[in-house]
Protein backbone atom coordinates (compact mmCIF):
# COMPACT_ATOMS: atom_id res chain seq x y z
CA MET A 1 -2.21 36.92 9.53
CA THR A 2 -2.41 33.01 10.40
CA LYS A 3 -4.23 30.57 12.25
CA VAL A 4 -0.57 29.63 14.13
CA PRO A 5 -0.92 31.27 17.74
CA GLN A 6 1.91 32.37 18.70
CA ILE A 7 4.13 32.47 15.52
CA LYS A 8 6.64 35.13 14.63
CA TYR A 9 6.24 37.48 11.93
CA GLN A 10 9.61 35.96 10.49
CA GLU A 11 8.02 32.29 10.31
CA VAL A 12 5.51 32.93 8.49
CA GLY A 13 7.49 33.11 5.60
CA ASN A 14 9.19 30.12 5.91
CA LEU A 15 6.12 27.96 6.23
CA TYR A 16 4.63 29.36 3.17
CA GLY A 17 7.70 28.07 1.47
CA LEU A 18 7.68 24.83 3.11
CA ARG A 19 4.21 24.36 2.05
CA ASN A 20 4.87 24.88 -1.56
CA TRP A 21 7.43 22.21 -1.07
CA VAL A 22 5.19 20.23 0.38
CA GLU A 23 2.66 20.69 -2.37
CA TYR A 24 5.90 20.43 -4.85
CA GLY A 25 6.53 16.88 -3.40
CA LEU A 26 2.90 15.88 -3.56
CA LYS A 27 2.73 16.10 -7.34
CA GLN A 28 5.85 14.96 -7.97
CA SER A 29 4.60 11.80 -6.03
CA LYS A 30 0.99 11.19 -7.82
CA ASN A 31 2.68 12.07 -11.28
CA GLU A 32 4.61 9.31 -10.64
CA LEU A 33 1.83 6.48 -8.97
CA GLY A 34 -0.43 8.30 -12.16
CA TRP A 35 -2.32 10.33 -9.73
CA ALA A 36 -1.44 13.65 -11.97
CA ASP A 37 -5.11 14.05 -13.17
CA PHE A 38 -6.48 14.58 -9.38
CA ARG A 39 -6.39 17.98 -7.84
CA VAL A 40 -6.27 18.89 -4.21
CA THR A 41 -6.31 22.57 -3.06
CA ASP A 42 -7.34 21.74 0.25
CA TYR A 43 -4.99 21.21 3.54
CA SER A 44 -7.04 18.13 4.96
CA ARG A 45 -6.87 16.75 1.28
CA ILE A 46 -3.67 17.23 0.47
CA GLU A 47 -3.01 15.32 4.13
CA ARG A 48 -4.66 12.36 2.67
CA TRP A 49 -3.42 12.08 -0.64
CA TRP A 50 -0.12 12.10 2.19
CA GLU A 51 -1.90 9.25 3.57
CA MET A 52 -1.98 7.10 0.10
CA VAL A 53 1.72 8.68 -1.23
CA MET A 54 2.60 7.04 1.62
CA SER A 55 0.62 3.89 2.35
CA ALA A 56 1.53 3.28 -0.97
CA TYR A 57 5.20 3.74 -0.71
CA LEU A 58 5.07 1.56 2.77
CA MET A 59 3.25 -1.22 0.69
CA VAL A 60 5.81 -0.93 -2.21
CA SER A 61 8.90 -0.86 0.90
CA LEU A 62 7.70 -4.18 2.32
CA GLN A 63 8.25 -5.55 -1.33
CA SER A 64 11.97 -4.43 -1.59
CA GLU A 65 14.77 -6.50 -2.30
CA GLN A 66 16.20 -5.47 1.32
CA LEU A 67 13.45 -7.16 3.40
CA SER A 68 13.08 -9.70 1.44
CA GLU A 69 16.47 -11.60 1.92
CA SER A 70 16.12 -10.43 5.55
CA LYS A 71 16.89 -13.78 7.90
CA GLU A 72 14.46 -12.67 10.01
CA ALA A 73 11.29 -14.16 8.62
CA ASN A 74 9.99 -17.58 7.94
CA LEU A 75 8.59 -17.74 4.99
CA ASP A 76 7.80 -21.69 4.52
CA LEU A 77 4.35 -20.91 4.72
CA ALA A 78 3.72 -18.05 2.04
CA ASN A 79 6.72 -20.04 -0.77
CA PRO A 80 3.85 -22.38 -1.92
CA ALA A 81 0.88 -18.74 -1.97
CA LYS A 82 4.65 -16.75 -3.58
CA GLU A 83 4.89 -19.35 -6.62
CA GLU A 84 1.10 -19.74 -7.36
CA ILE A 85 0.47 -15.71 -7.39
CA LYS A 86 3.64 -15.34 -9.65
CA LYS A 87 1.76 -17.48 -12.43
CA HIS A 88 -0.27 -14.22 -13.16
CA PRO A 89 -0.02 -13.53 -16.63
CA TRP A 90 0.43 -9.60 -15.70
CA TRP A 91 2.43 -10.44 -13.11
CA ASN A 92 6.06 -8.40 -13.28
CA GLN A 93 8.97 -10.16 -12.77
CA GLY A 94 11.37 -6.89 -12.71
CA LYS A 95 13.10 -5.36 -9.85
CA GLY A 96 12.76 -1.68 -9.85
CA TRP A 97 9.93 -0.30 -7.67
CA LYS A 98 7.55 0.74 -10.68
CA ASN A 99 7.20 -3.07 -11.29
CA ILE A 100 6.64 -3.88 -7.58
CA LEU A 101 4.11 -1.29 -6.91
CA ASN A 102 2.09 -2.54 -10.83
CA ASN A 103 2.14 -6.34 -8.56
CA ARG A 104 1.60 -4.69 -5.68
CA ARG A 105 -1.82 -2.83 -7.11
CA LEU A 106 -2.22 -7.05 -8.69
CA PHE A 107 -2.26 -7.95 -5.07
CA ILE A 108 -4.76 -5.90 -4.38
CA GLN A 109 -7.34 -5.41 -7.14
CA PRO A 110 -9.40 -9.22 -6.74
CA LEU A 111 -10.22 -7.25 -3.31
CA CYS A 112 -11.07 -4.13 -4.62
CA TYR A 113 -13.60 -5.84 -7.36
CA PHE A 114 -14.78 -7.80 -4.78
CA ASN A 115 -16.51 -5.40 -2.73
CA LEU A 116 -17.54 -4.21 -6.20
CA LEU A 117 -18.99 -7.27 -7.32
CA LYS A 118 -20.94 -8.00 -3.31
CA PRO A 119 -24.09 -7.00 -4.41
CA TRP A 120 -24.88 -8.69 -7.62
CA LEU A 121 -23.09 -12.38 -5.02
CA VAL A 122 -26.63 -11.70 -3.72
CA VAL A 123 -28.65 -11.75 -6.50
CA VAL A 124 -26.32 -14.58 -8.24
CA PHE A 125 -25.53 -16.17 -5.57
CA SER A 126 -23.22 -19.60 -6.82
CA PRO A 127 -21.35 -21.67 -3.61
CA GLN A 128 -18.14 -22.03 -5.96
CA ARG A 129 -18.18 -18.26 -7.02
CA ILE A 130 -17.52 -17.94 -3.29
CA ARG A 131 -15.33 -20.98 -3.12
CA LEU A 132 -13.40 -19.26 -5.33
CA PHE A 133 -12.78 -16.05 -3.37
CA CYS A 134 -12.05 -17.37 -0.38
CA ARG A 135 -8.99 -19.28 -2.28
CA LEU A 136 -7.69 -16.64 -3.50
CA PHE A 137 -8.12 -14.57 -0.91
CA SER A 138 -6.52 -16.73 1.89
CA LEU A 139 -3.71 -17.19 -0.41
CA LEU A 140 -3.73 -13.53 -0.10
CA ASN A 141 -3.18 -13.50 3.37
CA LYS A 142 -0.67 -16.09 4.16
CA LEU A 143 1.30 -13.66 1.87
CA ILE A 144 0.15 -10.63 4.09
CA ASN A 145 0.72 -12.39 7.39
CA SER A 146 4.52 -13.10 5.28
CA LEU A 147 5.38 -9.74 5.14
CA LEU A 148 3.97 -8.54 8.90
CA GLU A 149 6.33 -12.01 9.50
CA LYS A 150 8.89 -9.41 7.92
CA VAL A 151 8.27 -6.35 9.44
CA PHE A 152 7.49 -7.56 13.08
CA PRO A 153 9.12 -10.85 13.97
CA ARG A 154 7.70 -13.66 16.55
CA ASN A 155 10.45 -12.51 18.84
CA SER A 156 10.32 -9.01 18.42
CA TYR A 157 6.83 -8.69 20.35
CA PHE A 158 5.72 -6.90 23.56
CA SER A 159 5.99 -8.39 27.05
CA SER A 160 4.77 -6.52 30.00
CA ALA A 161 5.69 -9.87 32.26
């Protein structure tokens, strides 16, 4: 009846109901993230979708106002990078989570596009193009490092000494 070992028959209904809530939550999350057209029914695929949803949620949460107001991190390195990245014409200055999600998409796009362009960069090699990508990635790395510094401040590193 079930693949779960040592389960009582009374608990089977509860597990089945839990799956419905998981699928419902996944559907709502996909709708909010703009992924509603993708259909998954296999449990391993649902699990993978949840990983993506939670990763997107973490990315947005790292940009939340509460975390950005945190005084734990020294962001001197990231301030020029933040100001430069805000010059992007599609950068959204709004405070809501959807605005932040759109900004995160802008943040990820260069990495995705670079991977799509890599085969063409071999065919049409140009040192100027490579330098531009390096400059852009350097800017993005400064922002990533500032985010990680907020989450894992230097004074919280573990030491067994």
